[in-house]
Amino acid sequence: MKTSLDKLQLMEDCLLGQASGEQRLFFEANLLLDPILREEAHWQCKTYHVVRDYGRQQLRSELEQVHQVLFTASQHHKFRDWVLGFFRK
């Protein structure tokens, strides 16, 4: 069990750019020798991309909600005019 956790930690460190040079070299050698590890690393990388893209999508959605409140609500018209003033100059 400890060995598989160590392998997982090493894979994550390498994929996230947090591994030392020796660890990265060891991991890359294992990738060449172990097709199962290569596939696991591929899917872990895909997972990181999906999570990152989802986070970006969530942030965009939240920013759009803030934008709608600040730029459409009548109580924020002074703020809206102040911000738009930067782009009129």
Protein backbone atom coordinates (compact mmCIF):
# COMPACT_ATOMS: atom_id res chain seq x y z
CA MET A 1 0.00 0.00 0.00
CA LYS A 2 2.76 2.45 0.92
CA THR A 3 4.54 1.72 -2.36
CA SER A 4 1.49 2.60 -4.48
CA LEU A 5 0.96 5.80 -2.48
CA ASP A 6 4.61 6.70 -3.03
CA LYS A 7 4.22 6.05 -6.77
CA LEU A 8 1.11 8.20 -6.88
CA GLN A 9 2.83 11.01 -4.99
CA LEU A 10 5.84 10.84 -7.31
CA MET A 11 3.56 10.93 -10.37
CA GLU A 12 1.67 13.95 -9.05
CA ASP A 13 4.87 15.77 -8.13
CA CYS A 14 6.29 15.17 -11.60
CA LEU A 15 3.11 16.10 -13.46
CA LEU A 16 2.67 19.27 -11.42
CA GLY A 17 6.34 20.27 -11.79
CA GLN A 18 7.13 19.89 -8.09
CA ALA A 19 9.59 16.98 -8.32
CA SER A 20 13.35 17.29 -8.01
CA GLY A 21 15.56 16.56 -10.99
CA GLU A 22 16.40 13.06 -9.74
CA GLN A 23 12.75 12.25 -9.07
CA ARG A 24 11.74 13.50 -12.51
CA LEU A 25 14.46 11.42 -14.18
CA PHE A 26 13.42 8.32 -12.20
CA PHE A 27 9.78 8.87 -13.14
CA GLU A 28 10.58 9.37 -16.84
CA ALA A 29 12.62 6.15 -16.85
CA ASN A 30 9.70 4.30 -15.27
CA LEU A 31 7.38 5.75 -17.90
CA LEU A 32 9.56 4.24 -20.61
CA LEU A 33 9.61 0.84 -18.92
CA ASP A 34 6.03 0.56 -17.63
CA PRO A 35 3.14 0.95 -20.09
CA ILE A 36 0.59 0.81 -17.25
CA LEU A 37 2.28 3.72 -15.49
CA ARG A 38 2.36 5.59 -18.80
CA GLU A 39 -1.40 5.16 -19.19
CA GLU A 40 -2.05 6.12 -15.57
CA ALA A 41 0.03 9.28 -16.04
CA HIS A 42 -1.88 10.07 -19.24
CA TRP A 43 -5.24 9.83 -17.49
CA GLN A 44 -3.99 11.75 -14.45
CA CYS A 45 -2.87 14.54 -16.78
CA LYS A 46 -6.27 14.51 -18.51
CA THR A 47 -7.94 14.75 -15.09
CA TYR A 48 -5.85 17.79 -14.17
CA HIS A 49 -6.91 19.48 -17.42
CA VAL A 50 -10.61 18.74 -16.85
CA VAL A 51 -10.44 20.07 -13.27
CA ARG A 52 -8.57 23.20 -14.39
CA ASP A 53 -11.04 23.87 -17.20
CA TYR A 54 -14.00 23.36 -14.88
CA GLY A 55 -12.50 25.80 -12.38
CA ARG A 56 -12.03 28.38 -15.12
CA GLN A 57 -15.59 27.90 -16.28
CA GLN A 58 -16.87 28.36 -12.73
CA LEU A 59 -14.80 31.52 -12.29
CA ARG A 60 -16.11 32.95 -15.56
CA SER A 61 -19.66 32.22 -14.45
CA GLU A 62 -19.13 33.93 -11.10
CA LEU A 63 -17.51 36.95 -12.76
CA GLU A 64 -20.41 37.21 -15.19
CA GLN A 65 -22.85 37.22 -12.26
CA VAL A 66 -20.89 40.01 -10.56
CA HIS A 67 -20.81 41.91 -13.84
CA GLN A 68 -24.58 41.60 -14.23
CA VAL A 69 -25.20 42.88 -10.71
CA LEU A 70 -22.76 45.78 -10.94
CA PHE A 71 -23.66 46.94 -14.43
CA THR A 72 -27.42 46.42 -14.51
CA ALA A 73 -28.70 47.17 -10.99
CA SER A 74 -29.84 50.76 -10.58
CA GLN A 75 -28.21 51.18 -7.17
CA HIS A 76 -24.78 50.69 -8.81
CA HIS A 77 -25.18 53.26 -11.59
CA LYS A 78 -22.51 55.58 -10.13
CA PHE A 79 -19.99 52.74 -10.01
CA ARG A 80 -20.92 51.72 -13.57
CA ASP A 81 -20.45 55.29 -14.82
CA TRP A 82 -17.14 55.60 -12.96
CA VAL A 83 -15.78 52.40 -14.53
CA LEU A 84 -17.03 53.28 -18.00
CA GLY A 85 -15.38 56.69 -17.60
CA PHE A 86 -11.98 54.98 -17.82
CA PHE A 87 -12.80 53.84 -21.35
CA ARG A 88 -14.14 57.15 -22.61
CA LYS A 89 -10.87 59.01 -22.15
